[in-house]
C-alpha atoms as a PDB file:
ATOM      1  CA  MET A   1      40.260  72.880 201.567  1.00  0.00           C
ATOM      2  CA  ASP A   2      36.660  73.579 200.518  1.00  0.00           C
ATOM      3  CA  LEU A   3      36.366  75.572 197.270  1.00  0.00           C
ATOM      4  CA  SER A   4      32.665  76.345 197.072  1.00  0.00           C
ATOM      5  CA  ILE A   5      31.069  77.025 193.679  1.00  0.00           C
ATOM      6  CA  GLU A   6      29.611  80.292 194.958  1.00  0.00           C
ATOM      7  CA  LEU A   7      32.990  81.608 196.028  1.00  0.00           C
ATOM      8  CA  LEU A   8      34.603  80.561 192.749  1.00  0.00           C
ATOM      9  CA  LYS A   9      31.878  82.290 190.742  1.00  0.00           C
ATOM     10  CA  THR A  10      32.446  85.503 192.673  1.00  0.00           C
ATOM     11  CA  PHE A  11      36.191  85.119 192.249  1.00  0.00           C
ATOM     12  CA  ILE A  12      35.947  84.848 188.453  1.00  0.00           C
ATOM     13  CA  VAL A  13      33.748  87.950 188.242  1.00  0.00           C
ATOM     14  CA  VAL A  14      36.268  89.909 190.339  1.00  0.00           C
ATOM     15  CA  VAL A  15      39.073  88.664 188.106  1.00  0.00           C
ATOM     16  CA  GLU A  16      37.154  89.747 184.991  1.00  0.00           C
ATOM     17  CA  GLU A  17      36.486  93.218 186.383  1.00  0.00           C
ATOM     18  CA  MET A  18      39.602  93.668 188.495  1.00  0.00           C
ATOM     19  CA  ASN A  19      37.484  96.030 190.531  1.00  0.00           C
ATOM     20  CA  PHE A  20      35.450  95.082 193.608  1.00  0.00           C
ATOM     21  CA  THR A  21      32.807  97.750 193.072  1.00  0.00           C
ATOM     22  CA  ARG A  22      32.069  96.715 189.461  1.00  0.00           C
ATOM     23  CA  ALA A  23      32.124  93.062 190.424  1.00  0.00           C
ATOM     24  CA  ALA A  24      29.614  93.750 193.196  1.00  0.00           C
ATOM     25  CA  GLU A  25      27.302  95.495 190.682  1.00  0.00           C
ATOM     26  CA  ARG A  26      27.435  92.506 188.346  1.00  0.00           C
ATOM     27  CA  LEU A  27      26.710  90.092 191.161  1.00  0.00           C
ATOM     28  CA  TYR A  28      23.953  92.201 192.764  1.00  0.00           C
ATOM     29  CA  LYS A  29      25.861  92.159 196.030  1.00  0.00           C
ATOM     30  CA  THR A  30      27.327  94.882 198.214  1.00  0.00           C
ATOM     31  CA  GLN A  31      31.040  95.565 197.874  1.00  0.00           C
ATOM     32  CA  SER A  32      31.577  94.484 201.480  1.00  0.00           C
ATOM     33  CA  ALA A  33      29.900  91.123 200.740  1.00  0.00           C
ATOM     34  CA  VAL A  34      32.186  90.531 197.763  1.00  0.00           C
ATOM     35  CA  SER A  35      35.264  91.516 199.815  1.00  0.00           C
ATOM     36  CA  LEU A  36      34.191  89.128 202.560  1.00  0.00           C
ATOM     37  CA  GLN A  37      33.779  86.278 200.067  1.00  0.00           C
ATOM     38  CA  MET A  38      37.242  86.903 198.633  1.00  0.00           C
ATOM     39  CA  LYS A  39      38.668  86.964 202.164  1.00  0.00           C
ATOM     40  CA  ARG A  40      37.057  83.580 202.873  1.00  0.00           C
ATOM     41  CA  LEU A  41      38.436  82.173 199.634  1.00  0.00           C
ATOM     42  CA  SER A  42      41.931  83.456 200.423  1.00  0.00           C
ATOM     43  CA  GLU A  43      41.731  81.794 203.828  1.00  0.00           C
ATOM     44  CA  GLU A  44      40.730  78.526 202.230  1.00  0.00           C
ATOM     45  CA  VAL A  45      43.654  78.697 199.799  1.00  0.00           C
ATOM     46  CA  GLY A  46      46.002  79.841 202.532  1.00  0.00           C
ATOM     47  CA  GLU A  47      47.504  82.777 200.628  1.00  0.00           C
ATOM     48  CA  PRO A  48      46.347  86.152 199.251  1.00  0.00           C
ATOM     49  CA  LEU A  49      44.734  85.982 195.828  1.00  0.00           C
ATOM     50  CA  PHE A  50      44.940  89.669 194.936  1.00  0.00           C
ATOM     51  CA  CYS A  51      47.523  92.358 195.346  1.00  0.00           C
ATOM     52  CA  ARG A  52      47.824  96.053 194.512  1.00  0.00           C
ATOM     53  CA  LYS A  53      50.138  97.390 191.847  1.00  0.00           C
ATOM     54  CA  GLY A  54      49.809 101.096 192.412  1.00  0.00           C
ATOM     55  CA  LYS A  55      46.109 101.779 192.111  1.00  0.00           C
ATOM     56  CA  THR A  56      45.493  98.659 190.033  1.00  0.00           C
ATOM     57  CA  LEU A  57      44.181  95.362 191.386  1.00  0.00           C
ATOM     58  CA  ALA A  58      46.159  92.328 190.212  1.00  0.00           C
ATOM     59  CA  LEU A  59      46.316  88.582 190.805  1.00  0.00           C
ATOM     60  CA  THR A  60      49.053  87.058 192.914  1.00  0.00           C
ATOM     61  CA  GLU A  61      50.824  83.950 191.643  1.00  0.00           C
ATOM     62  CA  LYS A  62      48.484  81.817 193.740  1.00  0.00           C
ATOM     63  CA  GLY A  63      45.492  83.818 192.451  1.00  0.00           C
ATOM     64  CA  GLU A  64      46.464  83.151 188.832  1.00  0.00           C
ATOM     65  CA  LYS A  65      46.810  79.445 189.586  1.00  0.00           C
ATOM     66  CA  LEU A  66      43.366  79.418 191.214  1.00  0.00           C
ATOM     67  CA  ARG A  67      41.882  81.282 188.219  1.00  0.00           C
ATOM     68  CA  MET A  68      42.946  78.477 185.863  1.00  0.00           C
ATOM     69  CA  TYR A  69      41.410  75.832 188.121  1.00  0.00           C
ATOM     70  CA  ALA A  70      38.270  77.869 188.754  1.00  0.00           C
ATOM     71  CA  VAL A  71      37.501  78.218 185.044  1.00  0.00           C
ATOM     72  CA  ARG A  72      37.701  74.436 184.588  1.00  0.00           C
ATOM     73  CA  ILE A  73      35.727  73.699 187.762  1.00  0.00           C
ATOM     74  CA  LEU A  74      32.879  76.089 186.875  1.00  0.00           C
ATOM     75  CA  LYS A  75      32.690  74.748 183.324  1.00  0.00           C
ATOM     76  CA  SER A  76      32.395  71.173 184.635  1.00  0.00           C
ATOM     77  CA  HIS A  77      29.822  72.294 187.173  1.00  0.00           C
ATOM     78  CA  GLU A  78      27.717  73.941 184.446  1.00  0.00           C
ATOM     79  CA  GLU A  79      27.910  70.841 182.226  1.00  0.00           C
ATOM     80  CA  ALA A  80      26.841  68.655 185.159  1.00  0.00           C
ATOM     81  CA  CYS A  81      23.855  70.900 185.905  1.00  0.00           C
ATOM     82  CA  ILE A  82      22.778  70.738 182.279  1.00  0.00           C
ATOM     83  CA  GLY A  83      23.179  66.989 182.077  1.00  0.00           C
ATOM     84  CA  LEU A  84      21.470  66.150 185.368  1.00  0.00           C
ATOM     85  CA  SER A  85      18.622  68.627 185.657  1.00  0.00           C
ATOM     86  CA  GLY A  86      18.002  70.490 182.419  1.00  0.00           C
ATOM     87  CA  SER A  87      16.454  67.838 180.182  1.00  0.00           C
ATOM     88  CA  GLY A  88      13.633  66.970 182.598  1.00  0.00           C
ATOM     89  CA  VAL A  89      12.153  70.467 182.677  1.00  0.00           C
ATOM     90  CA  ALA A  90       9.312  71.084 180.221  1.00  0.00           C
ATOM     91  CA  GLY A  91       6.679  73.733 179.612  1.00  0.00           C
ATOM     92  CA  ASN A  92       5.832  77.042 177.961  1.00  0.00           C
ATOM     93  CA  ILE A  93       6.682  80.588 178.974  1.00  0.00           C
ATOM     94  CA  THR A  94       6.567  84.067 177.446  1.00  0.00           C
ATOM     95  CA  LEU A  95       9.383  86.575 177.611  1.00  0.00           C
ATOM     96  CA  GLY A  96       8.932  90.267 176.826  1.00  0.00           C
ATOM     97  CA  ILE A  97      11.798  92.458 175.577  1.00  0.00           C
ATOM     98  CA  SER A  98      12.164  95.862 173.956  1.00  0.00           C
ATOM     99  CA  ASP A  99      13.239  95.745 170.313  1.00  0.00           C
ATOM    100  CA  GLU A 100      16.624  97.319 170.943  1.00  0.00           C
ATOM    101  CA  TYR A 101      17.606  94.443 173.224  1.00  0.00           C
ATOM    102  CA  THR A 102      16.909  91.669 170.724  1.00  0.00           C
ATOM    103  CA  PRO A 103      20.588  91.102 169.737  1.00  0.00           C
ATOM    104  CA  ILE A 104      21.472  90.135 173.328  1.00  0.00           C
ATOM    105  CA  ILE A 105      18.240  88.227 173.901  1.00  0.00           C
ATOM    106  CA  PHE A 106      18.579  85.946 170.912  1.00  0.00           C
ATOM    107  CA  THR A 107      22.323  85.393 170.909  1.00  0.00           C
ATOM    108  CA  LYS A 108      22.910  85.155 174.632  1.00  0.00           C
ATOM    109  CA  ILE A 109      19.713  84.308 176.488  1.00  0.00           C
ATOM    110  CA  LEU A 110      17.455  82.261 174.257  1.00  0.00           C
ATOM    111  CA  ALA A 111      20.154  80.178 172.561  1.00  0.00           C
ATOM    112  CA  GLY A 112      21.746  79.242 175.870  1.00  0.00           C
ATOM    113  CA  PHE A 113      18.426  78.509 177.555  1.00  0.00           C
ATOM    114  CA  ALA A 114      17.275  76.310 174.651  1.00  0.00           C
ATOM    115  CA  GLU A 115      20.470  74.298 174.881  1.00  0.00           C
ATOM    116  CA  ARG A 116      20.048  73.707 178.594  1.00  0.00           C
ATOM    117  CA  TYR A 117      16.251  73.268 178.589  1.00  0.00           C
ATOM    118  CA  PRO A 118      15.307  71.871 175.161  1.00  0.00           C
ATOM    119  CA  ASN A 119      11.799  70.921 176.278  1.00  0.00           C
ATOM    120  CA  VAL A 120      10.824  74.468 177.289  1.00  0.00           C
ATOM    121  CA  SER A 121       9.147  76.605 174.623  1.00  0.00           C
ATOM    122  CA  VAL A 122       9.856  80.326 175.033  1.00  0.00           C
ATOM    123  CA  GLY A 123       7.551  82.753 173.230  1.00  0.00           C
ATOM    124  CA  VAL A 124       9.107  86.185 172.685  1.00  0.00           C
ATOM    125  CA  VAL A 125       7.093  89.431 172.658  1.00  0.00           C
ATOM    126  CA  CYS A 126       8.813  92.606 171.411  1.00  0.00           C
ATOM    127  CA  LYS A 127       7.097  95.736 172.674  1.00  0.00           C
ATOM    128  CA  PRO A 128       7.984  99.075 174.313  1.00  0.00           C
ATOM    129  CA  SER A 129       8.914  98.819 178.001  1.00  0.00           C
ATOM    130  CA  PRO A 130       5.700 100.544 179.245  1.00  0.00           C
ATOM    131  CA  GLU A 131       3.560  98.057 177.306  1.00  0.00           C
ATOM    132  CA  LEU A 132       5.553  95.079 178.544  1.00  0.00           C
ATOM    133  CA  LYS A 133       5.240  96.286 182.152  1.00  0.00           C
ATOM    134  CA  LYS A 134       1.473  96.622 181.742  1.00  0.00           C
ATOM    135  CA  ARG A 135       1.192  93.089 180.343  1.00  0.00           C
ATOM    136  CA  VAL A 136       3.224  91.596 183.200  1.00  0.00           C
ATOM    137  CA  ASP A 137       1.105  93.417 185.760  1.00  0.00           C
ATOM    138  CA  GLU A 138      -2.049  92.076 184.086  1.00  0.00           C
ATOM    139  CA  ASN A 139      -0.608  88.534 183.959  1.00  0.00           C
ATOM    140  CA  LEU A 140      -0.672  88.567 180.163  1.00  0.00           C
ATOM    141  CA  LEU A 141       3.101  88.105 180.000  1.00  0.00           C
ATOM    142  CA  ASP A 142       5.236  85.881 182.211  1.00  0.00           C
ATOM    143  CA  ILE A 143       8.624  87.612 182.330  1.00  0.00           C
ATOM    144  CA  ALA A 144       9.921  90.904 180.914  1.00  0.00           C
ATOM    145  CA  ILE A 145      13.229  92.707 180.645  1.00  0.00           C
ATOM    146  CA  LEU A 146      12.698  96.469 180.798  1.00  0.00           C
ATOM    147  CA  ALA A 147      14.776  99.620 180.565  1.00  0.00           C
ATOM    148  CA  GLU A 148      13.255 102.264 182.801  1.00  0.00           C
ATOM    149  CA  TYR A 149      14.248 104.677 185.547  1.00  0.00           C
ATOM    150  CA  GLU A 150      11.460 103.966 188.017  1.00  0.00           C
ATOM    151  CA  SER A 151      10.839 100.282 188.453  1.00  0.00           C
ATOM    152  CA  SER A 152       9.786  97.765 191.065  1.00  0.00           C
ATOM    153  CA  GLY A 153      11.596  94.942 189.296  1.00  0.00           C
ATOM    154  CA  LEU A 154      14.901  93.191 190.038  1.00  0.00           C
ATOM    155  CA  LEU A 155      17.871  95.290 188.910  1.00  0.00           C
ATOM    156  CA  LEU A 156      19.923  93.370 186.326  1.00  0.00           C
ATOM    157  CA  ARG A 157      22.459  96.084 185.643  1.00  0.00           C
ATOM    158  CA  TYR A 158      23.002  99.768 184.981  1.00  0.00           C
ATOM    159  CA  GLU A 159      23.458  99.847 181.225  1.00  0.00           C
ATOM    160  CA  PRO A 160      25.750 102.583 179.874  1.00  0.00           C
ATOM    161  CA  MET A 161      24.446 104.737 177.039  1.00  0.00           C
ATOM    162  CA  MET A 162      26.375 106.148 174.127  1.00  0.00           C
ATOM    163  CA  TRP A 163      26.001 108.329 171.063  1.00  0.00           C
ATOM    164  CA  MET A 164      26.143 105.848 168.189  1.00  0.00           C
ATOM    165  CA  ALA A 165      27.452 107.021 164.812  1.00  0.00           C
ATOM    166  CA  SER A 166      28.827 105.469 161.656  1.00  0.00           C
ATOM    167  CA  ARG A 167      32.570 105.023 161.294  1.00  0.00           C
ATOM    168  CA  THR A 168      32.630 107.833 158.719  1.00  0.00           C
ATOM    169  CA  TYR A 169      30.404 110.318 160.623  1.00  0.00           C
ATOM    170  CA  ALA A 170      31.861 113.735 161.306  1.00  0.00           C
ATOM    171  CA  TYR A 171      29.932 116.322 163.309  1.00  0.00           C
ATOM    172  CA  ASP A 172      30.165 119.795 161.749  1.00  0.00           C
ATOM    173  CA  GLY A 173      28.894 121.658 164.809  1.00  0.00           C
ATOM    174  CA  GLY A 174      25.451 122.315 163.349  1.00  0.00           C
ATOM    175  CA  VAL A 175      22.062 120.739 164.028  1.00  0.00           C
ATOM    176  CA  VAL A 176      22.432 117.116 165.111  1.00  0.00           C
ATOM    177  CA  GLN A 177      20.320 114.780 162.962  1.00  0.00           C
ATOM    178  CA  LEU A 178      18.850 112.095 165.235  1.00  0.00           C
ATOM    179  CA  ALA A 179      17.626 108.567 164.511  1.00  0.00           C
ATOM    180  CA  VAL A 180      15.419 107.507 167.448  1.00  0.00           C
ATOM    181  CA  TYR A 181      12.673 105.199 168.612  1.00  0.00           C
ATOM    182  CA  PRO A 182       9.233 106.690 169.346  1.00  0.00           C
ATOM    183  CA  ASP A 183       8.701 108.863 172.456  1.00  0.00           C
ATOM    184  CA  TYR A 184       8.116 105.951 174.811  1.00  0.00           C
ATOM    185  CA  CYS A 185      11.822 105.050 174.509  1.00  0.00           C
ATOM    186  CA  ILE A 186      13.944 105.878 177.547  1.00  0.00           C
ATOM    187  CA  ALA A 187      17.158 106.143 175.474  1.00  0.00           C
ATOM    188  CA  ARG A 188      15.549 108.596 173.076  1.00  0.00           C
ATOM    189  CA  ASN A 189      14.169 110.789 175.862  1.00  0.00           C
ATOM    190  CA  THR A 190      17.408 110.719 177.786  1.00  0.00           C
ATOM    191  CA  GLY A 191      19.480 111.625 174.722  1.00  0.00           C
ATOM    192  CA  ILE A 192      17.217 114.534 173.850  1.00  0.00           C
ATOM    193  CA  GLU A 193      17.257 115.756 177.450  1.00  0.00           C
ATOM    194  CA  TYR A 194      21.067 115.767 177.578  1.00  0.00           C
ATOM    195  CA  LEU A 195      21.373 117.528 174.220  1.00  0.00           C
ATOM    196  CA  ALA A 196      19.004 120.236 175.427  1.00  0.00           C
ATOM    197  CA  LYS A 197      20.945 120.654 178.705  1.00  0.00           C
ATOM    198  CA  ALA A 198      24.171 120.996 176.752  1.00  0.00           C
ATOM    199  CA  GLY A 199      22.664 123.532 174.361  1.00  0.00           C
ATOM    200  CA  VAL A 200      23.285 121.306 171.323  1.00  0.00           C
ATOM    201  CA  PRO A 201      20.682 121.890 168.582  1.00  0.00           C
ATOM    202  CA  TYR A 202      19.023 118.753 167.217  1.00  0.00           C
ATOM    203  CA  ARG A 203      16.377 117.549 164.817  1.00  0.00           C
ATOM    204  CA  ILE A 204      14.582 114.203 164.789  1.00  0.00           C
ATOM    205  CA  ALA A 205      15.350 113.057 161.255  1.00  0.00           C
ATOM    206  CA  TYR A 206      14.345 109.393 161.569  1.00  0.00           C
ATOM    207  CA  GLU A 207      11.826 107.880 163.959  1.00  0.00           C
ATOM    208  CA  THR A 208      11.167 104.141 163.867  1.00  0.00           C
ATOM    209  CA  GLU A 209      10.083 101.235 166.027  1.00  0.00           C
ATOM    210  CA  SER A 210      12.527  98.934 164.210  1.00  0.00           C
ATOM    211  CA  SER A 211      16.085  98.494 165.526  1.00  0.00           C
ATOM    212  CA  ARG A 212      17.135  97.327 162.070  1.00  0.00           C
ATOM    213  CA  LEU A 213      15.946 100.552 160.416  1.00  0.00           C
ATOM    214  CA  LEU A 214      17.445 102.668 163.179  1.00  0.00           C
ATOM    215  CA  ARG A 215      20.824 101.024 162.711  1.00  0.00           C
ATOM    216  CA  SER A 216      20.544 101.457 158.932  1.00  0.00           C
ATOM    217  CA  ALA A 217      19.934 105.196 159.349  1.00  0.00           C
ATOM    218  CA  VAL A 218      22.995 105.519 161.589  1.00  0.00           C
ATOM    219  CA  LYS A 219      25.146 103.270 159.418  1.00  0.00           C
ATOM    220  CA  SER A 220      24.404 105.515 156.409  1.00  0.00           C
ATOM    221  CA  GLY A 221      26.163 108.382 158.199  1.00  0.00           C
ATOM    222  CA  MET A 222      23.115 110.628 158.001  1.00  0.00           C
ATOM    223  CA  ALA A 223      22.168 110.510 161.697  1.00  0.00           C
ATOM    224  CA  VAL A 224      23.352 109.609 165.198  1.00  0.00           C
ATOM    225  CA  SER A 225      21.387 107.835 167.912  1.00  0.00           C
ATOM    226  CA  PRO A 226      21.405 107.643 171.719  1.00  0.00           C
ATOM    227  CA  VAL A 227      21.452 103.925 172.482  1.00  0.00           C
ATOM    228  CA  LEU A 228      22.400 101.314 175.072  1.00  0.00           C
ATOM    229  CA  SER A 229      26.109 100.876 174.331  1.00  0.00           C
ATOM    230  CA  ARG A 230      26.401  97.144 175.029  1.00  0.00           C
ATOM    231  CA  VAL A 231      23.734  96.346 172.473  1.00  0.00           C
ATOM    232  CA  TYR A 232      25.448  98.085 169.584  1.00  0.00           C
ATOM    233  CA  ARG A 233      29.016  96.899 169.730  1.00  0.00           C
ATOM    234  CA  ASP A 234      29.739  96.538 166.054  1.00  0.00           C
ATOM    235  CA  ASP A 235      32.498  97.352 163.595  1.00  0.00           C
ATOM    236  CA  HIS A 236      30.059  99.500 161.599  1.00  0.00           C
ATOM    237  CA  TYR A 237      29.606 102.030 164.420  1.00  0.00           C
ATOM    238  CA  ARG A 238      31.636 104.191 166.728  1.00  0.00           C
ATOM    239  CA  GLN A 239      30.936 106.146 169.885  1.00  0.00           C
ATOM    240  CA  LEU A 240      30.846 109.929 169.901  1.00  0.00           C
ATOM    241  CA  GLY A 241      32.237 111.728 172.920  1.00  0.00           C
ATOM    242  CA  SER A 242      32.563 115.119 174.561  1.00  0.00           C
ATOM    243  CA  GLU A 243      35.597 115.956 172.452  1.00  0.00           C
ATOM    244  CA  GLU A 244      33.234 115.993 169.464  1.00  0.00           C
ATOM    245  CA  GLY A 245      30.639 118.159 171.185  1.00  0.00           C
ATOM    246  CA  PHE A 246      28.294 115.444 172.447  1.00  0.00           C
ATOM    247  CA  PRO A 247      27.304 115.338 176.154  1.00  0.00           C
ATOM    248  CA  GLU A 248      28.200 112.287 178.226  1.00  0.00           C
ATOM    249  CA  LEU A 249      25.123 110.087 178.735  1.00  0.00           C
ATOM    250  CA  PRO A 250      24.111 108.334 181.986  1.00  0.00           C
ATOM    251  CA  HIS A 251      23.617 104.662 182.837  1.00  0.00           C
ATOM    252  CA  ILE A 252      20.060 103.309 182.500  1.00  0.00           C
ATOM    253  CA  PRO A 253      18.609 100.692 184.899  1.00  0.00           C
ATOM    254  CA  VAL A 254      17.684  97.412 183.196  1.00  0.00           C
ATOM    255  CA  THR A 255      15.190  95.454 185.315  1.00  0.00           C
ATOM    256  CA  LEU A 256      13.606  92.000 185.361  1.00  0.00           C
ATOM    257  CA  HIS A 257       9.883  91.513 186.048  1.00  0.00           C
ATOM    258  CA  ARG A 258       7.764  88.415 186.597  1.00  0.00           C
ATOM    259  CA  SER A 259       4.023  87.912 186.593  1.00  0.00           C
ATOM    260  CA  LYS A 260       2.653  87.044 190.024  1.00  0.00           C
ATOM    261  CA  ASP A 261       0.956  84.000 188.449  1.00  0.00           C
ATOM    262  CA  ARG A 262       4.282  82.393 187.395  1.00  0.00           C
ATOM    263  CA  ASN A 263       5.933  80.800 190.399  1.00  0.00           C
ATOM    264  CA  ASP A 264       6.738  77.441 188.816  1.00  0.00           C
ATOM    265  CA  GLU A 265      10.136  75.884 188.085  1.00  0.00           C
ATOM    266  CA  VAL A 266      10.122  76.881 184.417  1.00  0.00           C
ATOM    267  CA  ALA A 267       9.898  80.543 185.387  1.00  0.00           C
ATOM    268  CA  GLU A 268      12.552  80.116 188.067  1.00  0.00           C
ATOM    269  CA  TYR A 269      14.966  78.467 185.593  1.00  0.00           C
ATOM    270  CA  LEU A 270      14.465  81.210 183.005  1.00  0.00           C
ATOM    271  CA  LEU A 271      14.876  83.965 185.606  1.00  0.00           C
ATOM    272  CA  GLU A 272      18.102  82.440 186.908  1.00  0.00           C
ATOM    273  CA  HIS A 273      19.408  81.980 183.349  1.00  0.00           C
ATOM    274  CA  ILE A 274      18.683  85.633 182.494  1.00  0.00           C
ATOM    275  CA  LYS A 275      20.439  86.836 185.656  1.00  0.00           C
ATOM    276  CA  LYS A 276      23.439  84.624 184.847  1.00  0.00           C
ATOM    277  CA  VAL A 277      23.687  86.022 181.324  1.00  0.00           C
ATOM    278  CA  PHE A 278      23.549  89.610 182.555  1.00  0.00           C
ATOM    279  CA  ARG A 279      26.291  88.882 185.100  1.00  0.00           C
ATOM    280  CA  GLU A 280      28.518  87.649 182.282  1.00  0.00           C
ATOM    281  CA  ILE A 281      27.926  90.184 179.483  1.00  0.00           C
END
């Protein structure tokens, strides 16, 4: 029996999603490729790993047993990679992000990368996506994570949007008071577009470049904001839906860009780490 790390990684993502289509999106693979990998893994184990309970995908008894082993194997593999290869990598690199993505960047990406590669210094630049794209193209920035519809970068994920409101907010059916980023922001423009299409009156009450100030305006209960939903999972906020008169928002592409001048191992390690984090969040 040969349980490859790649197959086990795919298996765990499928288990987490319990949906081959969503798992394929997280892994940047086609659904058929994921299905083929799971077929290969089942053949290695000698028994089916998944079964159907109605329309729901579930683990078989053997699949559940493999899940427990896979978690331990992948954890040991990660620790070995860190211990054997991480400490010898050194250098400097710059990473560009939009302000609204800073919670994920600092808690998930930078902290984990610093632990694995302590001798690499990462400089962070917070700017609007159009400015970050320009800097990468001009080789003034090494790597950038952008939220934009038209992009030549590597797709990290389609990020769902939501209408963010305070826990106490109640829409009275009148003019919606908005808290938004300036007009370069894709979430702002998308939210306004969908309000207009739905015939919902709105007013821009708060405009700021600061995610902290935007959250404060929403938390006060005086405004709502169209945002990337994964970024603002917090007990202080709730999501508004169609039952309250707000239109359903689309998913926004989040893409990864690299300067053509950065083809070294430091850039490769950071790129792979970012992709890994986005597969897991």
